[in-house]
PDB file of N, CA and C in Angstrom:
ATOM      1  N   MET A   1       1.275  -1.322  -0.082  1.00  0.00           N
ATOM      2  CA  MET A   1       0.004   0.550  -0.018  1.00  0.00           C
ATOM      3  C   MET A   1       0.860   1.415   0.124  1.00  0.00           C
ATOM      4  N   ASN A   2       0.630   2.043  -1.253  1.00  0.00           N
ATOM      5  CA  ASN A   2       1.359   3.195  -0.725  1.00  0.00           C
ATOM      6  C   ASN A   2       0.630   4.573  -0.370  1.00  0.00           C
ATOM      7  N   SER A   3       2.185   4.716   0.238  1.00  0.00           N
ATOM      8  CA  SER A   3       0.828   6.537   0.955  1.00  0.00           C
ATOM      9  C   SER A   3       1.950   8.003   0.734  1.00  0.00           C
ATOM     10  N   VAL A   4       0.714   8.485   0.787  1.00  0.00           N
ATOM     11  CA  VAL A   4       1.077   9.826  -0.510  1.00  0.00           C
ATOM     12  C   VAL A   4       1.376  10.720   1.491  1.00  0.00           C
ATOM     13  N   ALA A   5       2.417  11.159   1.783  1.00  0.00           N
ATOM     14  CA  ALA A   5       2.083  12.442   2.545  1.00  0.00           C
ATOM     15  C   ALA A   5       1.859  13.782   2.055  1.00  0.00           C
ATOM     16  N   VAL A   6       1.019  15.170   3.118  1.00  0.00           N
ATOM     17  CA  VAL A   6       0.712  15.712   2.682  1.00  0.00           C
ATOM     18  C   VAL A   6       1.052  16.506   3.868  1.00  0.00           C
ATOM     19  N   LYS A   7       1.425  17.701   3.619  1.00  0.00           N
ATOM     20  CA  LYS A   7       1.774  19.525   4.750  1.00  0.00           C
ATOM     21  C   LYS A   7       0.026  19.434   5.169  1.00  0.00           C
ATOM     22  N   VAL A   8       0.342  19.844   6.692  1.00  0.00           N
ATOM     23  CA  VAL A   8      -1.149  20.930   6.862  1.00  0.00           C
ATOM     24  C   VAL A   8      -1.352  21.649   5.710  1.00  0.00           C
ATOM     25  N   SER A   9      -0.219  22.302   5.772  1.00  0.00           N
ATOM     26  CA  SER A   9      -0.517  24.018   5.274  1.00  0.00           C
ATOM     27  C   SER A   9      -0.991  23.797   4.344  1.00  0.00           C
ATOM     28  N   GLU A  10      -0.780  22.539   3.145  1.00  0.00           N
ATOM     29  CA  GLU A  10      -1.025  22.607   2.266  1.00  0.00           C
ATOM     30  C   GLU A  10      -2.641  22.090   1.605  1.00  0.00           C
ATOM     31  N   CYS A  11      -3.220  22.056   2.542  1.00  0.00           N
ATOM     32  CA  CYS A  11      -4.668  20.967   2.291  1.00  0.00           C
ATOM     33  C   CYS A  11      -5.147  22.574   2.847  1.00  0.00           C
ATOM     34  N   GLU A  12      -6.237  22.119   1.755  1.00  0.00           N
ATOM     35  CA  GLU A  12      -7.384  23.634   2.338  1.00  0.00           C
ATOM     36  C   GLU A  12      -9.258  22.426   3.510  1.00  0.00           C
ATOM     37  N   THR A  13      -9.498  22.666   4.651  1.00  0.00           N
ATOM     38  CA  THR A  13     -10.333  21.831   4.856  1.00  0.00           C
ATOM     39  C   THR A  13     -11.926  22.955   5.010  1.00  0.00           C
ATOM     40  N   ALA A  14     -13.096  22.370   4.439  1.00  0.00           N
ATOM     41  CA  ALA A  14     -14.265  23.150   4.969  1.00  0.00           C
ATOM     42  C   ALA A  14     -14.672  23.067   5.856  1.00  0.00           C
ATOM     43  N   LYS A  15     -15.178  24.242   6.309  1.00  0.00           N
ATOM     44  CA  LYS A  15     -15.700  24.769   7.817  1.00  0.00           C
ATOM     45  C   LYS A  15     -16.985  24.692   7.456  1.00  0.00           C
ATOM     46  N   PRO A  16     -18.114  24.971   7.907  1.00  0.00           N
ATOM     47  CA  PRO A  16     -19.259  25.137   7.605  1.00  0.00           C
ATOM     48  C   PRO A  16     -19.494  26.506   8.937  1.00  0.00           C
ATOM     49  N   SER A  17     -20.672  26.919   8.264  1.00  0.00           N
ATOM     50  CA  SER A  17     -20.151  28.392   8.667  1.00  0.00           C
ATOM     51  C   SER A  17     -21.701  28.129  10.186  1.00  0.00           C
ATOM     52  N   GLN A  18     -21.782  28.884  11.080  1.00  0.00           N
ATOM     53  CA  GLN A  18     -21.820  29.013  12.276  1.00  0.00           C
ATOM     54  C   GLN A  18     -23.823  29.497  12.134  1.00  0.00           C
ATOM     55  N   THR A  19     -23.611  30.099  10.933  1.00  0.00           N
ATOM     56  CA  THR A  19     -25.678  29.260  11.426  1.00  0.00           C
ATOM     57  C   THR A  19     -25.819  29.131   9.376  1.00  0.00           C
ATOM     58  N   VAL A  20     -25.462  28.165   9.909  1.00  0.00           N
ATOM     59  CA  VAL A  20     -25.727  26.863   8.220  1.00  0.00           C
ATOM     60  C   VAL A  20     -26.601  26.469   8.937  1.00  0.00           C
ATOM     61  N   ALA A  21     -27.392  25.521   9.198  1.00  0.00           N
ATOM     62  CA  ALA A  21     -28.248  24.515   9.426  1.00  0.00           C
ATOM     63  C   ALA A  21     -27.264  23.355   8.695  1.00  0.00           C
ATOM     64  N   LEU A  22     -26.689  21.708   8.826  1.00  0.00           N
ATOM     65  CA  LEU A  22     -26.505  20.986   7.980  1.00  0.00           C
ATOM     66  C   LEU A  22     -26.869  20.132   8.079  1.00  0.00           C
ATOM     67  N   ALA A  23     -27.358  19.830   9.576  1.00  0.00           N
ATOM     68  CA  ALA A  23     -28.841  18.670   8.756  1.00  0.00           C
ATOM     69  C   ALA A  23     -30.093  19.205  10.046  1.00  0.00           C
ATOM     70  N   ILE A  24     -30.986  18.091   9.365  1.00  0.00           N
ATOM     71  CA  ILE A  24     -32.162  18.783  10.285  1.00  0.00           C
ATOM     72  C   ILE A  24     -32.900  16.875  10.010  1.00  0.00           C
ATOM     73  N   ALA A  25     -32.149  16.702  11.465  1.00  0.00           N
ATOM     74  CA  ALA A  25     -34.035  14.761  10.868  1.00  0.00           C
ATOM     75  C   ALA A  25     -34.651  15.707  11.540  1.00  0.00           C
ATOM     76  N   THR A  26     -35.381  14.372  10.156  1.00  0.00           N
ATOM     77  CA  THR A  26     -37.517  14.480  11.008  1.00  0.00           C
ATOM     78  C   THR A  26     -37.687  13.073  11.362  1.00  0.00           C
ATOM     79  N   VAL A  27     -37.723  12.005  13.198  1.00  0.00           N
ATOM     80  CA  VAL A  27     -38.256  11.762  12.989  1.00  0.00           C
ATOM     81  C   VAL A  27     -40.139  10.820  13.168  1.00  0.00           C
ATOM     82  N   PRO A  28     -40.787  10.404  11.937  1.00  0.00           N
ATOM     83  CA  PRO A  28     -42.372  10.939  12.689  1.00  0.00           C
ATOM     84  C   PRO A  28     -43.082   9.993  14.694  1.00  0.00           C
ATOM     85  N   MET A  29     -43.570   9.982  14.729  1.00  0.00           N
ATOM     86  CA  MET A  29     -44.146   8.860  16.294  1.00  0.00           C
ATOM     87  C   MET A  29     -44.523   8.465  15.152  1.00  0.00           C
ATOM     88  N   GLN A  30     -44.581   6.766  15.460  1.00  0.00           N
ATOM     89  CA  GLN A  30     -44.484   6.139  15.483  1.00  0.00           C
ATOM     90  C   GLN A  30     -46.269   5.006  16.633  1.00  0.00           C
ATOM     91  N   PRO A  31     -47.180   4.931  16.252  1.00  0.00           N
ATOM     92  CA  PRO A  31     -48.534   4.640  17.489  1.00  0.00           C
ATOM     93  C   PRO A  31     -48.270   3.458  18.096  1.00  0.00           C
ATOM     94  N   TRP A  32     -48.627   3.223  19.211  1.00  0.00           N
ATOM     95  CA  TRP A  32     -48.609   1.798  19.641  1.00  0.00           C
ATOM     96  C   TRP A  32     -49.504   1.364  18.873  1.00  0.00           C
ATOM     97  N   GLU A  33     -48.865  -0.368  18.678  1.00  0.00           N
ATOM     98  CA  GLU A  33     -50.340  -1.258  17.591  1.00  0.00           C
ATOM     99  C   GLU A  33     -49.766  -2.836  18.749  1.00  0.00           C
ATOM    100  N   GLN A  34     -50.109  -3.494  18.387  1.00  0.00           N
ATOM    101  CA  GLN A  34     -50.418  -5.134  19.212  1.00  0.00           C
ATOM    102  C   GLN A  34     -49.197  -5.328  18.159  1.00  0.00           C
ATOM    103  N   PRO A  35     -48.159  -5.762  18.519  1.00  0.00           N
ATOM    104  CA  PRO A  35     -46.778  -6.605  17.375  1.00  0.00           C
ATOM    105  C   PRO A  35     -47.158  -8.018  16.980  1.00  0.00           C
ATOM    106  N   TYR A  36     -46.787  -8.007  16.455  1.00  0.00           N
ATOM    107  CA  TYR A  36     -46.832 -10.407  15.243  1.00  0.00           C
ATOM    108  C   TYR A  36     -46.177 -10.382  16.973  1.00  0.00           C
ATOM    109  N   ASP A  37     -46.152 -12.283  16.281  1.00  0.00           N
ATOM    110  CA  ASP A  37     -45.759 -13.042  17.112  1.00  0.00           C
ATOM    111  C   ASP A  37     -44.275 -12.896  16.711  1.00  0.00           C
ATOM    112  N   PRO A  38     -44.225 -13.620  17.520  1.00  0.00           N
ATOM    113  CA  PRO A  38     -42.379 -13.893  17.285  1.00  0.00           C
ATOM    114  C   PRO A  38     -42.381 -14.213  15.377  1.00  0.00           C
ATOM    115  N   LYS A  39     -43.326 -15.993  15.714  1.00  0.00           N
ATOM    116  CA  LYS A  39     -42.542 -16.701  14.776  1.00  0.00           C
ATOM    117  C   LYS A  39     -43.117 -15.083  13.705  1.00  0.00           C
ATOM    118  N   THR A  40     -44.353 -14.612  13.159  1.00  0.00           N
ATOM    119  CA  THR A  40     -44.204 -14.437  12.437  1.00  0.00           C
ATOM    120  C   THR A  40     -43.190 -13.382  11.827  1.00  0.00           C
ATOM    121  N   ALA A  41     -43.062 -11.997  13.311  1.00  0.00           N
ATOM    122  CA  ALA A  41     -42.205 -11.734  13.128  1.00  0.00           C
ATOM    123  C   ALA A  41     -40.798 -11.592  12.235  1.00  0.00           C
ATOM    124  N   LEU A  42     -40.017 -13.330  12.868  1.00  0.00           N
ATOM    125  CA  LEU A  42     -39.070 -13.147  12.466  1.00  0.00           C
ATOM    126  C   LEU A  42     -39.475 -13.843  10.633  1.00  0.00           C
ATOM    127  N   LYS A  43     -40.324 -14.485  10.105  1.00  0.00           N
ATOM    128  CA  LYS A  43     -40.389 -13.912   8.362  1.00  0.00           C
ATOM    129  C   LYS A  43     -40.372 -13.099   7.976  1.00  0.00           C
ATOM    130  N   ASN A  44     -41.142 -11.818   8.593  1.00  0.00           N
ATOM    131  CA  ASN A  44     -41.725 -10.689   7.840  1.00  0.00           C
ATOM    132  C   ASN A  44     -40.667  -9.639   8.348  1.00  0.00           C
ATOM    133  N   GLY A  45     -39.760  -9.604   9.472  1.00  0.00           N
ATOM    134  CA  GLY A  45     -38.659  -9.433   9.700  1.00  0.00           C
ATOM    135  C   GLY A  45     -39.077  -7.907   9.970  1.00  0.00           C
ATOM    136  N   THR A  46     -39.750  -7.867  11.086  1.00  0.00           N
ATOM    137  CA  THR A  46     -40.370  -7.260  11.493  1.00  0.00           C
ATOM    138  C   THR A  46     -41.569  -7.782  13.558  1.00  0.00           C
ATOM    139  N   ILE A  47     -41.826  -6.985  13.747  1.00  0.00           N
ATOM    140  CA  ILE A  47     -42.320  -7.139  14.898  1.00  0.00           C
ATOM    141  C   ILE A  47     -44.490  -6.235  15.049  1.00  0.00           C
ATOM    142  N   PHE A  48     -43.581  -4.922  14.239  1.00  0.00           N
ATOM    143  CA  PHE A  48     -45.207  -4.225  13.569  1.00  0.00           C
ATOM    144  C   PHE A  48     -45.593  -3.931  12.051  1.00  0.00           C
ATOM    145  N   PRO A  49     -46.627  -4.549  12.714  1.00  0.00           N
ATOM    146  CA  PRO A  49     -47.714  -4.934  10.512  1.00  0.00           C
ATOM    147  C   PRO A  49     -47.697  -3.454  10.342  1.00  0.00           C
ATOM    148  N   SER A  50     -47.275  -2.136  10.916  1.00  0.00           N
ATOM    149  CA  SER A  50     -47.552  -0.763   9.860  1.00  0.00           C
ATOM    150  C   SER A  50     -45.991  -0.320   9.624  1.00  0.00           C
ATOM    151  N   LEU A  51     -45.173  -1.944   9.947  1.00  0.00           N
ATOM    152  CA  LEU A  51     -43.584  -1.498  10.086  1.00  0.00           C
ATOM    153  C   LEU A  51     -43.175  -2.325   8.220  1.00  0.00           C
ATOM    154  N   ASN A  52     -44.657  -3.624   7.721  1.00  0.00           N
ATOM    155  CA  ASN A  52     -44.023  -4.218   7.154  1.00  0.00           C
ATOM    156  C   ASN A  52     -44.696  -4.612   5.987  1.00  0.00           C
ATOM    157  N   LEU A  53     -43.300  -3.430   4.956  1.00  0.00           N
ATOM    158  CA  LEU A  53     -43.780  -3.469   3.363  1.00  0.00           C
ATOM    159  C   LEU A  53     -42.916  -4.183   2.332  1.00  0.00           C
ATOM    160  N   PRO A  54     -43.169  -5.480   2.560  1.00  0.00           N
ATOM    161  CA  PRO A  54     -42.369  -6.255   1.301  1.00  0.00           C
ATOM    162  C   PRO A  54     -41.560  -5.280   0.579  1.00  0.00           C
ATOM    163  N   PHE A  55     -40.686  -5.354  -0.205  1.00  0.00           N
ATOM    164  CA  PHE A  55     -40.050  -4.987  -1.226  1.00  0.00           C
ATOM    165  C   PHE A  55     -40.125  -6.417  -2.701  1.00  0.00           C
ATOM    166  N   TYR A  56     -40.368  -5.805  -3.931  1.00  0.00           N
ATOM    167  CA  TYR A  56     -40.455  -7.485  -4.603  1.00  0.00           C
ATOM    168  C   TYR A  56     -39.459  -6.492  -5.762  1.00  0.00           C
ATOM    169  N   VAL A  57     -38.586  -7.740  -6.288  1.00  0.00           N
ATOM    170  CA  VAL A  57     -37.984  -7.283  -7.374  1.00  0.00           C
ATOM    171  C   VAL A  57     -37.923  -6.740  -8.435  1.00  0.00           C
ATOM    172  N   THR A  58     -39.387  -7.297  -8.453  1.00  0.00           N
ATOM    173  CA  THR A  58     -39.717  -6.367 -10.428  1.00  0.00           C
ATOM    174  C   THR A  58     -40.359  -5.141 -10.230  1.00  0.00           C
ATOM    175  N   GLY A  59     -39.765  -4.689  -8.889  1.00  0.00           N
ATOM    176  CA  GLY A  59     -40.424  -3.097  -9.171  1.00  0.00           C
ATOM    177  C   GLY A  59     -41.606  -2.503  -8.389  1.00  0.00           C
ATOM    178  N   GLY A  60     -41.979  -3.691  -7.651  1.00  0.00           N
ATOM    179  CA  GLY A  60     -43.626  -3.143  -6.594  1.00  0.00           C
ATOM    180  C   GLY A  60     -44.275  -4.387  -7.224  1.00  0.00           C
ATOM    181  N   GLU A  61     -44.073  -4.948  -7.797  1.00  0.00           N
ATOM    182  CA  GLU A  61     -45.633  -5.942  -8.304  1.00  0.00           C
ATOM    183  C   GLU A  61     -44.968  -7.639  -8.292  1.00  0.00           C
ATOM    184  N   GLN A  62     -45.619  -7.886  -7.687  1.00  0.00           N
ATOM    185  CA  GLN A  62     -46.099  -9.353  -6.700  1.00  0.00           C
ATOM    186  C   GLN A  62     -44.848 -10.290  -8.293  1.00  0.00           C
ATOM    187  N   PRO A  63     -44.104 -10.865  -7.567  1.00  0.00           N
ATOM    188  CA  PRO A  63     -44.212 -12.037  -9.514  1.00  0.00           C
ATOM    189  C   PRO A  63     -45.416 -12.633  -9.497  1.00  0.00           C
TER     190      PRO A  63
END
């Protein structure tokens, strides 16, 4: 593996402004619901029915 030494004075580092927000994360509240039983949860990959969103290779259509 080759390594390259770079002097710190040769590098420019971008510094965010004090007035600019870098990111704002929003997470919607999830209401409580009756979870799946363990066998069903393992099969579906989630314990919550509302999060059971199957993904299909064919672009949203069932094969």
